[in-house]
Amino acid sequence: MDDLIKRLMAQGLTEEQAYKAIEVIKNFTKEKFPIFSGAIDKLFDKYGPKEDDDFMP
């Protein structure tokens, strides 16, 4: 996911905008393919931004 974020930022988006764009894509994909909703969540959550303050795994 870092590679995708970097590519979006290279196109002029801020890091926050890049993550928001990915969120929009994730939600769009879930709407179009609801049967894969769980798999899509797992894929995007695995590679999403990490919470620095979270000390629990």
N, C-alpha and C. Protein backbone atom coordinates (compact mmCIF):
# COMPACT_ATOMS: atom_id res chain seq x y z
N MET A 1 0.82 -1.18 0.00
CA MET A 1 0.00 0.00 0.00
C MET A 1 0.87 1.26 0.00
N ASP A 2 2.03 1.16 0.62
CA ASP A 2 2.92 2.32 0.64
C ASP A 2 3.28 2.76 -0.77
N ASP A 3 3.46 1.80 -1.66
CA ASP A 3 3.80 2.13 -3.04
C ASP A 3 2.66 2.90 -3.70
N LEU A 4 1.44 2.47 -3.45
CA LEU A 4 0.29 3.17 -4.01
C LEU A 4 0.17 4.58 -3.44
N ILE A 5 0.38 4.72 -2.14
CA ILE A 5 0.33 6.04 -1.52
C ILE A 5 1.40 6.94 -2.15
N LYS A 6 2.60 6.42 -2.32
CA LYS A 6 3.69 7.20 -2.92
C LYS A 6 3.35 7.60 -4.36
N ARG A 7 2.73 6.71 -5.10
CA ARG A 7 2.35 7.05 -6.48
C ARG A 7 1.30 8.15 -6.52
N LEU A 8 0.33 8.06 -5.62
CA LEU A 8 -0.69 9.10 -5.57
C LEU A 8 -0.08 10.44 -5.16
N MET A 9 0.85 10.40 -4.22
CA MET A 9 1.52 11.63 -3.78
C MET A 9 2.39 12.20 -4.90
N ALA A 10 2.98 11.33 -5.71
CA ALA A 10 3.79 11.80 -6.85
C ALA A 10 2.91 12.52 -7.88
N GLN A 11 1.62 12.22 -7.87
CA GLN A 11 0.69 12.88 -8.78
C GLN A 11 0.13 14.18 -8.21
N GLY A 12 0.61 14.56 -7.03
CA GLY A 12 0.23 15.84 -6.46
C GLY A 12 -0.71 15.80 -5.27
N LEU A 13 -1.10 14.60 -4.83
CA LEU A 13 -1.97 14.51 -3.66
C LEU A 13 -1.14 14.57 -2.39
N THR A 14 -1.74 15.09 -1.34
CA THR A 14 -1.10 15.02 -0.03
C THR A 14 -1.28 13.59 0.48
N GLU A 15 -0.56 13.25 1.55
CA GLU A 15 -0.69 11.91 2.11
C GLU A 15 -2.13 11.68 2.58
N GLU A 16 -2.71 12.68 3.21
CA GLU A 16 -4.09 12.56 3.68
C GLU A 16 -5.06 12.36 2.51
N GLN A 17 -4.86 13.09 1.43
CA GLN A 17 -5.71 12.94 0.26
C GLN A 17 -5.54 11.56 -0.37
N ALA A 18 -4.31 11.06 -0.39
CA ALA A 18 -4.04 9.74 -0.96
C ALA A 18 -4.78 8.66 -0.18
N TYR A 19 -4.72 8.73 1.16
CA TYR A 19 -5.43 7.75 1.97
C TYR A 19 -6.94 7.87 1.77
N LYS A 20 -7.44 9.09 1.63
CA LYS A 20 -8.87 9.30 1.40
C LYS A 20 -9.28 8.73 0.04
N ALA A 21 -8.45 8.90 -0.97
CA ALA A 21 -8.74 8.34 -2.29
C ALA A 21 -8.84 6.82 -2.22
N ILE A 22 -7.95 6.20 -1.48
CA ILE A 22 -7.97 4.75 -1.33
C ILE A 22 -9.24 4.33 -0.59
N GLU A 23 -9.65 5.09 0.40
CA GLU A 23 -10.89 4.79 1.13
C GLU A 23 -12.09 4.85 0.20
N VAL A 24 -12.12 5.83 -0.69
CA VAL A 24 -13.21 5.96 -1.66
C VAL A 24 -13.22 4.75 -2.59
N ILE A 25 -12.06 4.35 -3.06
CA ILE A 25 -11.95 3.19 -3.95
C ILE A 25 -12.41 1.93 -3.22
N LYS A 26 -11.99 1.78 -1.98
CA LYS A 26 -12.40 0.63 -1.18
C LYS A 26 -13.92 0.56 -1.06
N ASN A 27 -14.55 1.66 -0.71
CA ASN A 27 -16.00 1.68 -0.55
C ASN A 27 -16.73 1.45 -1.87
N PHE A 28 -16.22 2.01 -2.94
CA PHE A 28 -16.81 1.81 -4.26
C PHE A 28 -16.75 0.33 -4.65
N THR A 29 -15.60 -0.28 -4.42
CA THR A 29 -15.42 -1.69 -4.76
C THR A 29 -16.36 -2.57 -3.95
N LYS A 30 -16.53 -2.25 -2.67
CA LYS A 30 -17.45 -3.02 -1.83
C LYS A 30 -18.90 -2.89 -2.31
N GLU A 31 -19.27 -1.71 -2.80
CA GLU A 31 -20.62 -1.51 -3.32
C GLU A 31 -20.85 -2.32 -4.59
N LYS A 32 -19.87 -2.35 -5.45
CA LYS A 32 -19.99 -3.05 -6.73
C LYS A 32 -19.88 -4.56 -6.59
N PHE A 33 -19.12 -5.02 -5.60
CA PHE A 33 -18.89 -6.44 -5.40
C PHE A 33 -19.15 -6.82 -3.93
N PRO A 34 -20.40 -6.72 -3.50
CA PRO A 34 -20.70 -6.94 -2.08
C PRO A 34 -20.34 -8.34 -1.59
N ILE A 35 -20.33 -9.31 -2.47
CA ILE A 35 -19.98 -10.67 -2.07
C ILE A 35 -18.53 -10.75 -1.58
N PHE A 36 -17.68 -9.83 -2.03
CA PHE A 36 -16.28 -9.80 -1.64
C PHE A 36 -15.98 -8.77 -0.56
N SER A 37 -17.01 -8.24 0.06
CA SER A 37 -16.85 -7.17 1.03
C SER A 37 -15.87 -7.50 2.15
N GLY A 38 -15.97 -8.70 2.71
CA GLY A 38 -15.07 -9.10 3.79
C GLY A 38 -13.63 -9.18 3.33
N ALA A 39 -13.42 -9.74 2.15
CA ALA A 39 -12.06 -9.86 1.61
C ALA A 39 -11.48 -8.48 1.30
N ILE A 40 -12.31 -7.60 0.79
CA ILE A 40 -11.85 -6.24 0.48
C ILE A 40 -11.44 -5.52 1.75
N ASP A 41 -12.25 -5.66 2.81
CA ASP A 41 -11.91 -5.03 4.09
C ASP A 41 -10.57 -5.55 4.61
N LYS A 42 -10.39 -6.85 4.57
CA LYS A 42 -9.13 -7.44 5.05
C LYS A 42 -7.94 -6.95 4.24
N LEU A 43 -8.10 -6.88 2.93
CA LEU A 43 -7.01 -6.43 2.07
C LEU A 43 -6.62 -4.99 2.39
N PHE A 44 -7.60 -4.11 2.43
CA PHE A 44 -7.31 -2.71 2.65
C PHE A 44 -6.89 -2.42 4.09
N ASP A 45 -7.50 -3.10 5.06
CA ASP A 45 -7.14 -2.89 6.46
C ASP A 45 -5.72 -3.35 6.74
N LYS A 46 -5.32 -4.42 6.11
CA LYS A 46 -3.96 -4.95 6.30
C LYS A 46 -2.91 -3.93 5.86
N TYR A 47 -3.21 -3.21 4.79
CA TYR A 47 -2.24 -2.29 4.24
C TYR A 47 -2.58 -0.82 4.47
N GLY A 48 -3.51 -0.56 5.35
CA GLY A 48 -3.92 0.82 5.64
C GLY A 48 -2.93 1.51 6.56
N PRO A 49 -3.18 2.76 6.87
CA PRO A 49 -2.29 3.51 7.77
C PRO A 49 -2.30 2.89 9.15
N LYS A 50 -1.17 2.92 9.81
CA LYS A 50 -1.03 2.35 11.15
C LYS A 50 -1.25 3.44 12.19
N GLU A 51 -1.84 3.06 13.31
CA GLU A 51 -2.04 3.98 14.42
C GLU A 51 -0.78 3.97 15.27
N ASP A 52 -0.08 5.09 15.34
CA ASP A 52 1.16 5.18 16.12
C ASP A 52 0.92 5.07 17.61
N ASP A 53 -0.25 5.49 18.08
CA ASP A 53 -0.53 5.51 19.49
C ASP A 53 -1.05 4.16 20.02
N ASP A 54 -1.33 3.23 19.16
CA ASP A 54 -1.89 1.95 19.56
C ASP A 54 -0.78 1.01 20.02
N PHE A 55 -0.79 0.69 21.30
CA PHE A 55 0.26 -0.18 21.84
C PHE A 55 -0.18 -1.63 21.90
N MET A 56 -1.44 -1.91 21.61
CA MET A 56 -1.95 -3.28 21.61
C MET A 56 -1.92 -3.81 20.19
N PRO A 57 -1.47 -5.05 19.99
CA PRO A 57 -1.47 -5.62 18.62
C PRO A 57 -2.84 -5.91 18.12
